[in-house]
Protein backbone atom coordinates (compact mmCIF):
# COMPACT_ATOMS: atom_id res chain seq x y z
CA UNK A 1 0.00 0.00 0.00
CA UNK A 2 2.72 2.47 0.98
CA UNK A 3 4.66 2.04 -2.28
CA UNK A 4 1.51 2.79 -4.29
CA UNK A 5 0.84 5.89 -2.24
CA UNK A 6 4.39 7.17 -2.52
CA UNK A 7 4.36 6.90 -6.31
CA UNK A 8 1.50 9.39 -6.54
CA UNK A 9 2.10 11.52 -3.44
CA UNK A 10 3.24 15.06 -4.12
CA UNK A 11 5.13 17.05 -1.55
CA UNK A 12 6.20 19.86 -3.85
CA UNK A 13 9.53 21.00 -2.47
CA UNK A 14 11.15 22.48 -5.58
CA UNK A 15 13.63 24.85 -4.00
CA UNK A 16 15.21 25.65 -7.35
CA UNK A 17 11.93 27.22 -8.43
CA UNK A 18 10.83 30.45 -6.79
CA UNK A 19 7.34 31.74 -6.26
CA UNK A 20 6.49 34.59 -3.90
CA UNK A 21 3.22 36.06 -2.70
CA UNK A 22 3.54 39.57 -1.38
CA UNK A 23 2.21 41.13 1.73
CA UNK A 24 2.10 44.87 2.18
CA UNK A 25 1.86 46.01 5.78
CA UNK A 26 3.35 49.03 7.51
CA UNK A 27 4.98 50.07 4.22
CA UNK A 28 7.05 46.89 4.19
CA UNK A 29 6.73 44.22 1.51
CA UNK A 30 7.34 40.71 2.79
CA UNK A 31 7.07 37.53 0.76
CA UNK A 32 8.18 33.91 0.94
CA UNK A 33 11.07 32.79 -1.24
CA UNK A 34 12.44 29.36 -2.15
CA UNK A 35 9.37 27.33 -1.26
CA UNK A 36 6.37 25.87 -3.04
CA UNK A 37 5.04 24.20 0.11
CA UNK A 38 4.02 27.38 1.97
CA UNK A 39 2.69 30.70 0.67
CA UNK A 40 1.93 34.04 2.27
CA UNK A 41 -1.27 35.48 0.79
CA UNK A 42 -3.60 38.44 1.26
CA UNK A 43 -7.36 38.13 0.69
CA UNK A 44 -7.82 41.90 0.70
CA UNK A 45 -8.53 42.02 4.43
CA UNK A 46 -6.07 39.70 6.13
CA UNK A 47 -2.72 38.06 5.59
CA UNK A 48 -2.43 34.32 5.96
CA UNK A 49 -0.18 31.35 5.37
CA UNK A 50 -1.47 28.72 2.97
CA UNK A 51 0.07 25.25 3.02
CA UNK A 52 -1.14 23.07 0.12
CA UNK A 53 -0.91 19.28 0.31
CA UNK A 54 -1.81 17.15 -2.69
CA UNK A 55 -2.43 13.43 -3.16
CA UNK A 56 -2.99 11.82 -6.56
CA UNK A 57 -3.86 8.14 -6.96
CA UNK A 58 -6.56 5.56 -7.56
CA UNK A 59 -7.36 5.39 -3.84
CA UNK A 60 -9.96 6.98 -1.57
CA UNK A 61 -9.00 9.35 1.24
CA UNK A 62 -11.63 9.00 3.94
CA UNK A 63 -10.25 11.28 6.64
CA UNK A 64 -7.74 14.09 7.22
CA UNK A 65 -6.96 15.15 10.77
CA UNK A 66 -4.44 17.91 11.45
CA UNK A 67 -2.25 17.20 14.47
CA UNK A 68 0.29 19.99 14.99
CA UNK A 69 2.92 22.14 13.33
CA UNK A 70 4.64 25.50 13.33
CA UNK A 71 6.05 28.25 11.13
CA UNK A 72 9.32 29.72 12.37
CA UNK A 73 10.23 33.13 10.93
CA UNK A 74 13.76 33.92 12.04
CA UNK A 75 13.52 33.69 15.84
CA UNK A 76 9.72 34.05 15.91
CA UNK A 77 7.69 30.84 16.14
CA UNK A 78 4.03 30.71 15.15
CA UNK A 79 2.38 27.50 16.42
CA UNK A 80 -0.12 25.88 14.08
CA UNK A 81 -3.01 24.70 16.24
CA UNK A 82 -5.93 22.82 14.75
CA UNK A 83 -8.51 25.03 16.45
CA UNK A 84 -6.94 28.13 14.83
CA UNK A 85 -6.74 26.81 11.25
CA UNK A 86 -9.02 26.73 8.24
CA UNK A 87 -8.79 23.43 6.37
CA UNK A 88 -10.49 22.61 3.08
CA UNK A 89 -10.29 19.46 0.96
CA UNK A 90 -11.24 19.37 -2.73
CA UNK A 91 -11.59 16.23 -4.85
CA UNK A 92 -11.26 15.90 -8.61
CA UNK A 93 -11.82 12.41 -10.04
CA UNK A 94 -10.36 13.09 -13.51
CA UNK A 95 -6.66 13.65 -12.81
CA UNK A 96 -3.71 12.17 -14.62
CA UNK A 97 -0.43 11.41 -12.85
CA UNK A 98 1.03 14.86 -13.65
CA UNK A 99 -1.92 16.64 -12.02
CA UNK A 100 -3.80 17.68 -15.18
CA UNK A 101 -7.58 17.46 -14.82
CA UNK A 102 -10.60 17.85 -17.09
CA UNK A 103 -13.44 17.67 -14.57
CA UNK A 104 -14.77 19.75 -11.71
CA UNK A 105 -13.45 20.01 -8.16
CA UNK A 106 -15.84 19.19 -5.33
CA UNK A 107 -15.44 20.61 -1.84
CA UNK A 108 -15.70 17.53 0.39
CA UNK A 109 -14.41 18.90 3.69
CA UNK A 110 -14.31 22.36 5.26
CA UNK A 111 -13.31 23.43 8.73
CA UNK A 112 -13.08 27.02 9.92
CA UNK A 113 -11.17 27.31 13.16
CA UNK A 114 -12.84 24.67 15.35
CA UNK A 115 -16.10 24.31 13.39
CA UNK A 116 -16.58 21.60 10.75
CA UNK A 117 -18.94 23.00 8.11
CA UNK A 118 -18.74 20.26 5.44
CA UNK A 119 -17.78 16.62 5.99
CA UNK A 120 -18.17 14.29 3.00
CA UNK A 121 -14.76 12.62 2.81
CA UNK A 122 -16.09 9.25 3.97
CA UNK A 123 -18.70 9.09 1.21
CA UNK A 124 -17.85 6.40 -1.38
CA UNK A 125 -16.51 7.40 -4.79
CA UNK A 126 -16.60 5.53 -8.08
CA UNK A 127 -13.95 2.88 -8.62
CA UNK A 128 -11.41 3.71 -11.30
CA UNK A 129 -11.28 1.78 -14.57
CA UNK A 130 -7.64 1.15 -15.44
CA UNK A 131 -8.17 1.80 -19.15
CA UNK A 132 -9.45 5.34 -18.41
CA UNK A 133 -6.09 6.41 -16.95
CA UNK A 134 -7.90 8.68 -14.51
CA UNK A 135 -7.08 9.07 -10.85
CA UNK A 136 -8.39 10.95 -7.83
CA UNK A 137 -6.72 14.27 -7.02
CA UNK A 138 -7.11 15.56 -3.48
CA UNK A 139 -6.13 19.16 -2.81
CA UNK A 140 -5.84 19.94 0.90
CA UNK A 141 -5.38 23.59 1.89
CA UNK A 142 -4.27 24.49 5.40
CA UNK A 143 -4.71 28.19 6.21
CA UNK A 144 -3.36 30.12 9.19
CA UNK A 145 -4.59 33.72 9.39
CA UNK A 146 -2.17 36.20 10.91
CA UNK A 147 -2.98 38.85 13.50
CA UNK A 148 -1.61 42.38 13.24
CA UNK A 149 0.75 41.58 16.10
CA UNK A 150 2.07 38.49 14.31
CA UNK A 151 2.64 40.52 11.14
CA UNK A 152 4.56 43.15 13.11
CA UNK A 153 6.81 40.46 14.57
CA UNK A 154 7.41 38.92 11.12
CA UNK A 155 8.42 42.32 9.73
CA UNK A 156 10.63 42.89 12.77
CA UNK A 157 12.48 39.63 12.06
CA UNK A 158 12.99 40.65 8.45
CA UNK A 159 14.37 44.06 9.43
CA UNK A 160 16.82 42.33 11.79
CA UNK A 161 18.04 40.19 8.87
CA UNK A 162 16.52 36.97 10.27
CA UNK A 163 15.28 35.72 6.91
CA UNK A 164 16.03 31.99 7.29
CA UNK A 165 12.75 30.30 8.19
CA UNK A 166 11.11 26.88 8.29
CA UNK A 167 7.76 25.19 8.63
CA UNK A 168 6.37 21.84 9.71
CA UNK A 169 2.95 20.22 9.59
CA UNK A 170 1.91 16.85 11.02
CA UNK A 171 -1.38 15.06 10.42
CA UNK A 172 -3.14 11.71 10.29
CA UNK A 173 -4.83 10.54 7.12
CA UNK A 174 -6.95 7.52 6.20
CA UNK A 175 -6.37 5.98 2.75
CA UNK A 176 -8.54 3.09 1.55
CA UNK A 177 -9.66 2.53 5.17
CA UNK A 178 -6.04 2.29 6.35
CA UNK A 179 -4.99 4.96 8.83
CA UNK A 180 -1.65 6.58 8.05
CA UNK A 181 -0.66 8.17 11.35
CA UNK A 182 2.20 10.61 11.78
CA UNK A 183 2.36 11.95 8.23
CA UNK A 184 4.13 15.26 7.84
CA UNK A 185 5.92 17.82 5.76
CA UNK A 186 9.00 19.93 6.47
CA UNK A 187 10.46 22.79 4.46
CA UNK A 188 12.94 25.65 4.72
CA UNK A 189 12.34 29.03 3.12
CA UNK A 190 13.41 32.67 3.26
CA UNK A 191 11.71 35.99 3.75
CA UNK A 192 12.05 38.26 0.76
CA UNK A 193 11.28 41.91 -0.06
CA UNK A 194 10.21 41.63 -3.67
CA UNK A 195 7.03 40.63 -5.41
CA UNK A 196 7.60 37.84 -7.91
CA UNK A 197 5.30 35.42 -9.71
CA UNK A 198 6.93 32.75 -11.81
CA UNK A 199 7.33 29.01 -12.32
CA UNK A 200 4.24 27.94 -10.36
CA UNK A 201 2.04 29.05 -13.28
CA UNK A 202 3.61 26.32 -15.43
CA UNK A 203 3.14 23.47 -12.95
CA UNK A 204 -0.07 21.50 -13.75
CA UNK A 205 -0.65 20.24 -10.20
CA UNK A 206 -0.82 23.90 -9.05
CA UNK A 207 -3.58 24.83 -11.51
CA UNK A 208 -6.37 24.56 -8.95
CA UNK A 209 -4.31 26.43 -6.34
CA UNK A 210 -3.81 29.28 -8.83
CA UNK A 211 -7.52 29.36 -9.65
CA UNK A 212 -8.58 29.35 -5.99
CA UNK A 213 -6.08 31.81 -4.54
CA UNK A 214 -4.44 33.89 -7.26
CA UNK A 215 -7.03 34.51 -9.95
CA UNK A 216 -9.48 36.58 -7.95
C-alpha atoms as a PDB file:
ATOM      1  CA  UNK A   1       0.000   0.000   0.000  1.00  0.00           C
ATOM      2  CA  UNK A   2       2.721   2.467   0.978  1.00  0.00           C
ATOM      3  CA  UNK A   3       4.659   2.043  -2.278  1.00  0.00           C
ATOM      4  CA  UNK A   4       1.511   2.789  -4.294  1.00  0.00           C
ATOM      5  CA  UNK A   5       0.839   5.894  -2.236  1.00  0.00           C
ATOM      6  CA  UNK A   6       4.394   7.165  -2.516  1.00  0.00           C
ATOM      7  CA  UNK A   7       4.355   6.897  -6.309  1.00  0.00           C
ATOM      8  CA  UNK A   8       1.501   9.394  -6.543  1.00  0.00           C
ATOM      9  CA  UNK A   9       2.103  11.516  -3.438  1.00  0.00           C
ATOM     10  CA  UNK A  10       3.239  15.059  -4.122  1.00  0.00           C
ATOM     11  CA  UNK A  11       5.134  17.046  -1.552  1.00  0.00           C
ATOM     12  CA  UNK A  12       6.197  19.865  -3.849  1.00  0.00           C
ATOM     13  CA  UNK A  13       9.528  21.002  -2.469  1.00  0.00           C
ATOM     14  CA  UNK A  14      11.150  22.477  -5.582  1.00  0.00           C
ATOM     15  CA  UNK A  15      13.630  24.849  -4.002  1.00  0.00           C
ATOM     16  CA  UNK A  16      15.211  25.650  -7.346  1.00  0.00           C
ATOM     17  CA  UNK A  17      11.926  27.221  -8.425  1.00  0.00           C
ATOM     18  CA  UNK A  18      10.833  30.451  -6.789  1.00  0.00           C
ATOM     19  CA  UNK A  19       7.336  31.743  -6.259  1.00  0.00           C
ATOM     20  CA  UNK A  20       6.488  34.587  -3.905  1.00  0.00           C
ATOM     21  CA  UNK A  21       3.216  36.060  -2.699  1.00  0.00           C
ATOM     22  CA  UNK A  22       3.543  39.569  -1.379  1.00  0.00           C
ATOM     23  CA  UNK A  23       2.205  41.133   1.731  1.00  0.00           C
ATOM     24  CA  UNK A  24       2.095  44.875   2.181  1.00  0.00           C
ATOM     25  CA  UNK A  25       1.860  46.013   5.779  1.00  0.00           C
ATOM     26  CA  UNK A  26       3.346  49.033   7.512  1.00  0.00           C
ATOM     27  CA  UNK A  27       4.982  50.075   4.216  1.00  0.00           C
ATOM     28  CA  UNK A  28       7.052  46.887   4.191  1.00  0.00           C
ATOM     29  CA  UNK A  29       6.727  44.223   1.510  1.00  0.00           C
ATOM     30  CA  UNK A  30       7.335  40.712   2.786  1.00  0.00           C
ATOM     31  CA  UNK A  31       7.069  37.526   0.756  1.00  0.00           C
ATOM     32  CA  UNK A  32       8.183  33.909   0.939  1.00  0.00           C
ATOM     33  CA  UNK A  33      11.074  32.791  -1.237  1.00  0.00           C
ATOM     34  CA  UNK A  34      12.438  29.357  -2.147  1.00  0.00           C
ATOM     35  CA  UNK A  35       9.368  27.328  -1.262  1.00  0.00           C
ATOM     36  CA  UNK A  36       6.370  25.866  -3.040  1.00  0.00           C
ATOM     37  CA  UNK A  37       5.037  24.205   0.110  1.00  0.00           C
ATOM     38  CA  UNK A  38       4.017  27.380   1.974  1.00  0.00           C
ATOM     39  CA  UNK A  39       2.690  30.699   0.669  1.00  0.00           C
ATOM     40  CA  UNK A  40       1.930  34.044   2.267  1.00  0.00           C
ATOM     41  CA  UNK A  41      -1.270  35.481   0.788  1.00  0.00           C
ATOM     42  CA  UNK A  42      -3.598  38.438   1.259  1.00  0.00           C
ATOM     43  CA  UNK A  43      -7.358  38.135   0.686  1.00  0.00           C
ATOM     44  CA  UNK A  44      -7.824  41.905   0.702  1.00  0.00           C
ATOM     45  CA  UNK A  45      -8.526  42.023   4.429  1.00  0.00           C
ATOM     46  CA  UNK A  46      -6.071  39.702   6.125  1.00  0.00           C
ATOM     47  CA  UNK A  47      -2.720  38.060   5.585  1.00  0.00           C
ATOM     48  CA  UNK A  48      -2.432  34.319   5.962  1.00  0.00           C
ATOM     49  CA  UNK A  49      -0.181  31.350   5.375  1.00  0.00           C
ATOM     50  CA  UNK A  50      -1.470  28.718   2.968  1.00  0.00           C
ATOM     51  CA  UNK A  51       0.073  25.250   3.019  1.00  0.00           C
ATOM     52  CA  UNK A  52      -1.139  23.075   0.119  1.00  0.00           C
ATOM     53  CA  UNK A  53      -0.908  19.278   0.310  1.00  0.00           C
ATOM     54  CA  UNK A  54      -1.808  17.148  -2.689  1.00  0.00           C
ATOM     55  CA  UNK A  55      -2.434  13.425  -3.156  1.00  0.00           C
ATOM     56  CA  UNK A  56      -2.985  11.816  -6.564  1.00  0.00           C
ATOM     57  CA  UNK A  57      -3.860   8.139  -6.961  1.00  0.00           C
ATOM     58  CA  UNK A  58      -6.565   5.559  -7.560  1.00  0.00           C
ATOM     59  CA  UNK A  59      -7.359   5.393  -3.840  1.00  0.00           C
ATOM     60  CA  UNK A  60      -9.961   6.976  -1.567  1.00  0.00           C
ATOM     61  CA  UNK A  61      -9.000   9.355   1.243  1.00  0.00           C
ATOM     62  CA  UNK A  62     -11.633   8.998   3.941  1.00  0.00           C
ATOM     63  CA  UNK A  63     -10.247  11.277   6.635  1.00  0.00           C
ATOM     64  CA  UNK A  64      -7.743  14.086   7.216  1.00  0.00           C
ATOM     65  CA  UNK A  65      -6.958  15.149  10.769  1.00  0.00           C
ATOM     66  CA  UNK A  66      -4.442  17.911  11.449  1.00  0.00           C
ATOM     67  CA  UNK A  67      -2.246  17.203  14.470  1.00  0.00           C
ATOM     68  CA  UNK A  68       0.291  19.994  14.986  1.00  0.00           C
ATOM     69  CA  UNK A  69       2.924  22.137  13.335  1.00  0.00           C
ATOM     70  CA  UNK A  70       4.644  25.500  13.329  1.00  0.00           C
ATOM     71  CA  UNK A  71       6.047  28.247  11.130  1.00  0.00           C
ATOM     72  CA  UNK A  72       9.317  29.723  12.371  1.00  0.00           C
ATOM     73  CA  UNK A  73      10.228  33.125  10.929  1.00  0.00           C
ATOM     74  CA  UNK A  74      13.762  33.917  12.038  1.00  0.00           C
ATOM     75  CA  UNK A  75      13.523  33.694  15.838  1.00  0.00           C
ATOM     76  CA  UNK A  76       9.719  34.052  15.911  1.00  0.00           C
ATOM     77  CA  UNK A  77       7.690  30.835  16.143  1.00  0.00           C
ATOM     78  CA  UNK A  78       4.034  30.711  15.155  1.00  0.00           C
ATOM     79  CA  UNK A  79       2.383  27.500  16.416  1.00  0.00           C
ATOM     80  CA  UNK A  80      -0.117  25.875  14.082  1.00  0.00           C
ATOM     81  CA  UNK A  81      -3.008  24.703  16.238  1.00  0.00           C
ATOM     82  CA  UNK A  82      -5.929  22.815  14.749  1.00  0.00           C
ATOM     83  CA  UNK A  83      -8.510  25.034  16.446  1.00  0.00           C
ATOM     84  CA  UNK A  84      -6.944  28.127  14.826  1.00  0.00           C
ATOM     85  CA  UNK A  85      -6.743  26.808  11.253  1.00  0.00           C
ATOM     86  CA  UNK A  86      -9.019  26.732   8.237  1.00  0.00           C
ATOM     87  CA  UNK A  87      -8.788  23.433   6.368  1.00  0.00           C
ATOM     88  CA  UNK A  88     -10.495  22.608   3.078  1.00  0.00           C
ATOM     89  CA  UNK A  89     -10.288  19.460   0.960  1.00  0.00           C
ATOM     90  CA  UNK A  90     -11.238  19.374  -2.725  1.00  0.00           C
ATOM     91  CA  UNK A  91     -11.594  16.234  -4.848  1.00  0.00           C
ATOM     92  CA  UNK A  92     -11.262  15.903  -8.607  1.00  0.00           C
ATOM     93  CA  UNK A  93     -11.819  12.414 -10.036  1.00  0.00           C
ATOM     94  CA  UNK A  94     -10.355  13.087 -13.506  1.00  0.00           C
ATOM     95  CA  UNK A  95      -6.661  13.646 -12.810  1.00  0.00           C
ATOM     96  CA  UNK A  96      -3.709  12.165 -14.623  1.00  0.00           C
ATOM     97  CA  UNK A  97      -0.426  11.410 -12.853  1.00  0.00           C
ATOM     98  CA  UNK A  98       1.033  14.860 -13.649  1.00  0.00           C
ATOM     99  CA  UNK A  99      -1.920  16.644 -12.024  1.00  0.00           C
ATOM    100  CA  UNK A 100      -3.796  17.679 -15.182  1.00  0.00           C
ATOM    101  CA  UNK A 101      -7.576  17.464 -14.824  1.00  0.00           C
ATOM    102  CA  UNK A 102     -10.602  17.851 -17.086  1.00  0.00           C
ATOM    103  CA  UNK A 103     -13.438  17.665 -14.573  1.00  0.00           C
ATOM    104  CA  UNK A 104     -14.772  19.755 -11.708  1.00  0.00           C
ATOM    105  CA  UNK A 105     -13.447  20.009  -8.163  1.00  0.00           C
ATOM    106  CA  UNK A 106     -15.838  19.190  -5.333  1.00  0.00           C
ATOM    107  CA  UNK A 107     -15.440  20.611  -1.836  1.00  0.00           C
ATOM    108  CA  UNK A 108     -15.701  17.528   0.391  1.00  0.00           C
ATOM    109  CA  UNK A 109     -14.415  18.902   3.690  1.00  0.00           C
ATOM    110  CA  UNK A 110     -14.312  22.358   5.258  1.00  0.00           C
ATOM    111  CA  UNK A 111     -13.307  23.430   8.731  1.00  0.00           C
ATOM    112  CA  UNK A 112     -13.085  27.021   9.918  1.00  0.00           C
ATOM    113  CA  UNK A 113     -11.172  27.307  13.165  1.00  0.00           C
ATOM    114  CA  UNK A 114     -12.840  24.669  15.348  1.00  0.00           C
ATOM    115  CA  UNK A 115     -16.097  24.313  13.388  1.00  0.00           C
ATOM    116  CA  UNK A 116     -16.583  21.597  10.753  1.00  0.00           C
ATOM    117  CA  UNK A 117     -18.944  23.004   8.105  1.00  0.00           C
ATOM    118  CA  UNK A 118     -18.744  20.265   5.435  1.00  0.00           C
ATOM    119  CA  UNK A 119     -17.780  16.622   5.990  1.00  0.00           C
ATOM    120  CA  UNK A 120     -18.175  14.290   2.998  1.00  0.00           C
ATOM    121  CA  UNK A 121     -14.758  12.620   2.806  1.00  0.00           C
ATOM    122  CA  UNK A 122     -16.095   9.247   3.966  1.00  0.00           C
ATOM    123  CA  UNK A 123     -18.699   9.095   1.211  1.00  0.00           C
ATOM    124  CA  UNK A 124     -17.848   6.398  -1.379  1.00  0.00           C
ATOM    125  CA  UNK A 125     -16.511   7.398  -4.785  1.00  0.00           C
ATOM    126  CA  UNK A 126     -16.605   5.529  -8.080  1.00  0.00           C
ATOM    127  CA  UNK A 127     -13.952   2.877  -8.621  1.00  0.00           C
ATOM    128  CA  UNK A 128     -11.409   3.706 -11.298  1.00  0.00           C
ATOM    129  CA  UNK A 129     -11.279   1.782 -14.574  1.00  0.00           C
ATOM    130  CA  UNK A 130      -7.640   1.152 -15.437  1.00  0.00           C
ATOM    131  CA  UNK A 131      -8.173   1.803 -19.153  1.00  0.00           C
ATOM    132  CA  UNK A 132      -9.451   5.336 -18.412  1.00  0.00           C
ATOM    133  CA  UNK A 133      -6.087   6.412 -16.955  1.00  0.00           C
ATOM    134  CA  UNK A 134      -7.904   8.678 -14.509  1.00  0.00           C
ATOM    135  CA  UNK A 135      -7.084   9.074 -10.846  1.00  0.00           C
ATOM    136  CA  UNK A 136      -8.391  10.948  -7.831  1.00  0.00           C
ATOM    137  CA  UNK A 137      -6.721  14.265  -7.022  1.00  0.00           C
ATOM    138  CA  UNK A 138      -7.115  15.556  -3.479  1.00  0.00           C
ATOM    139  CA  UNK A 139      -6.133  19.163  -2.812  1.00  0.00           C
ATOM    140  CA  UNK A 140      -5.839  19.943   0.897  1.00  0.00           C
ATOM    141  CA  UNK A 141      -5.375  23.591   1.887  1.00  0.00           C
ATOM    142  CA  UNK A 142      -4.266  24.485   5.405  1.00  0.00           C
ATOM    143  CA  UNK A 143      -4.709  28.188   6.209  1.00  0.00           C
ATOM    144  CA  UNK A 144      -3.365  30.116   9.195  1.00  0.00           C
ATOM    145  CA  UNK A 145      -4.595  33.715   9.389  1.00  0.00           C
ATOM    146  CA  UNK A 146      -2.174  36.199  10.914  1.00  0.00           C
ATOM    147  CA  UNK A 147      -2.982  38.850  13.498  1.00  0.00           C
ATOM    148  CA  UNK A 148      -1.606  42.384  13.236  1.00  0.00           C
ATOM    149  CA  UNK A 149       0.753  41.578  16.098  1.00  0.00           C
ATOM    150  CA  UNK A 150       2.073  38.493  14.310  1.00  0.00           C
ATOM    151  CA  UNK A 151       2.645  40.516  11.141  1.00  0.00           C
ATOM    152  CA  UNK A 152       4.558  43.153  13.108  1.00  0.00           C
ATOM    153  CA  UNK A 153       6.808  40.461  14.565  1.00  0.00           C
ATOM    154  CA  UNK A 154       7.405  38.916  11.120  1.00  0.00           C
ATOM    155  CA  UNK A 155       8.417  42.319   9.734  1.00  0.00           C
ATOM    156  CA  UNK A 156      10.634  42.889  12.768  1.00  0.00           C
ATOM    157  CA  UNK A 157      12.483  39.630  12.064  1.00  0.00           C
ATOM    158  CA  UNK A 158      12.993  40.648   8.450  1.00  0.00           C
ATOM    159  CA  UNK A 159      14.367  44.059   9.430  1.00  0.00           C
ATOM    160  CA  UNK A 160      16.822  42.332  11.788  1.00  0.00           C
ATOM    161  CA  UNK A 161      18.036  40.187   8.873  1.00  0.00           C
ATOM    162  CA  UNK A 162      16.521  36.974  10.268  1.00  0.00           C
ATOM    163  CA  UNK A 163      15.282  35.723   6.906  1.00  0.00           C
ATOM    164  CA  UNK A 164      16.034  31.992   7.290  1.00  0.00           C
ATOM    165  CA  UNK A 165      12.750  30.304   8.193  1.00  0.00           C
ATOM    166  CA  UNK A 166      11.114  26.883   8.291  1.00  0.00           C
ATOM    167  CA  UNK A 167       7.763  25.185   8.633  1.00  0.00           C
ATOM    168  CA  UNK A 168       6.373  21.837   9.705  1.00  0.00           C
ATOM    169  CA  UNK A 169       2.955  20.221   9.595  1.00  0.00           C
ATOM    170  CA  UNK A 170       1.906  16.852  11.021  1.00  0.00           C
ATOM    171  CA  UNK A 171      -1.381  15.060  10.418  1.00  0.00           C
ATOM    172  CA  UNK A 172      -3.139  11.709  10.291  1.00  0.00           C
ATOM    173  CA  UNK A 173      -4.834  10.545   7.119  1.00  0.00           C
ATOM    174  CA  UNK A 174      -6.953   7.520   6.201  1.00  0.00           C
ATOM    175  CA  UNK A 175      -6.373   5.981   2.753  1.00  0.00           C
ATOM    176  CA  UNK A 176      -8.535   3.085   1.554  1.00  0.00           C
ATOM    177  CA  UNK A 177      -9.659   2.529   5.173  1.00  0.00           C
ATOM    178  CA  UNK A 178      -6.042   2.286   6.345  1.00  0.00           C
ATOM    179  CA  UNK A 179      -4.989   4.960   8.830  1.00  0.00           C
ATOM    180  CA  UNK A 180      -1.654   6.578   8.046  1.00  0.00           C
ATOM    181  CA  UNK A 181      -0.664   8.165  11.354  1.00  0.00           C
ATOM    182  CA  UNK A 182       2.200  10.608  11.783  1.00  0.00           C
ATOM    183  CA  UNK A 183       2.358  11.952   8.227  1.00  0.00           C
ATOM    184  CA  UNK A 184       4.127  15.257   7.842  1.00  0.00           C
ATOM    185  CA  UNK A 185       5.918  17.823   5.760  1.00  0.00           C
ATOM    186  CA  UNK A 186       9.000  19.933   6.470  1.00  0.00           C
ATOM    187  CA  UNK A 187      10.462  22.787   4.459  1.00  0.00           C
ATOM    188  CA  UNK A 188      12.944  25.645   4.720  1.00  0.00           C
ATOM    189  CA  UNK A 189      12.338  29.030   3.121  1.00  0.00           C
ATOM    190  CA  UNK A 190      13.411  32.665   3.258  1.00  0.00           C
ATOM    191  CA  UNK A 191      11.709  35.987   3.749  1.00  0.00           C
ATOM    192  CA  UNK A 192      12.045  38.262   0.757  1.00  0.00           C
ATOM    193  CA  UNK A 193      11.285  41.906  -0.057  1.00  0.00           C
ATOM    194  CA  UNK A 194      10.211  41.629  -3.671  1.00  0.00           C
ATOM    195  CA  UNK A 195       7.031  40.629  -5.412  1.00  0.00           C
ATOM    196  CA  UNK A 196       7.599  37.838  -7.912  1.00  0.00           C
ATOM    197  CA  UNK A 197       5.304  35.418  -9.715  1.00  0.00           C
ATOM    198  CA  UNK A 198       6.931  32.750 -11.810  1.00  0.00           C
ATOM    199  CA  UNK A 199       7.326  29.006 -12.325  1.00  0.00           C
ATOM    200  CA  UNK A 200       4.236  27.938 -10.360  1.00  0.00           C
ATOM    201  CA  UNK A 201       2.043  29.048 -13.275  1.00  0.00           C
ATOM    202  CA  UNK A 202       3.608  26.322 -15.432  1.00  0.00           C
ATOM    203  CA  UNK A 203       3.139  23.466 -12.950  1.00  0.00           C
ATOM    204  CA  UNK A 204      -0.068  21.499 -13.753  1.00  0.00           C
ATOM    205  CA  UNK A 205      -0.650  20.245 -10.199  1.00  0.00           C
ATOM    206  CA  UNK A 206      -0.816  23.896  -9.054  1.00  0.00           C
ATOM    207  CA  UNK A 207      -3.576  24.832 -11.513  1.00  0.00           C
ATOM    208  CA  UNK A 208      -6.368  24.564  -8.950  1.00  0.00           C
ATOM    209  CA  UNK A 209      -4.307  26.434  -6.343  1.00  0.00           C
ATOM    210  CA  UNK A 210      -3.806  29.279  -8.831  1.00  0.00           C
ATOM    211  CA  UNK A 211      -7.522  29.363  -9.648  1.00  0.00           C
ATOM    212  CA  UNK A 212      -8.583  29.352  -5.995  1.00  0.00           C
ATOM    213  CA  UNK A 213      -6.080  31.810  -4.536  1.00  0.00           C
ATOM    214  CA  UNK A 214      -4.436  33.888  -7.257  1.00  0.00           C
ATOM    215  CA  UNK A 215      -7.027  34.512  -9.952  1.00  0.00           C
ATOM    216  CA  UNK A 216      -9.478  36.582  -7.946  1.00  0.00           C
END
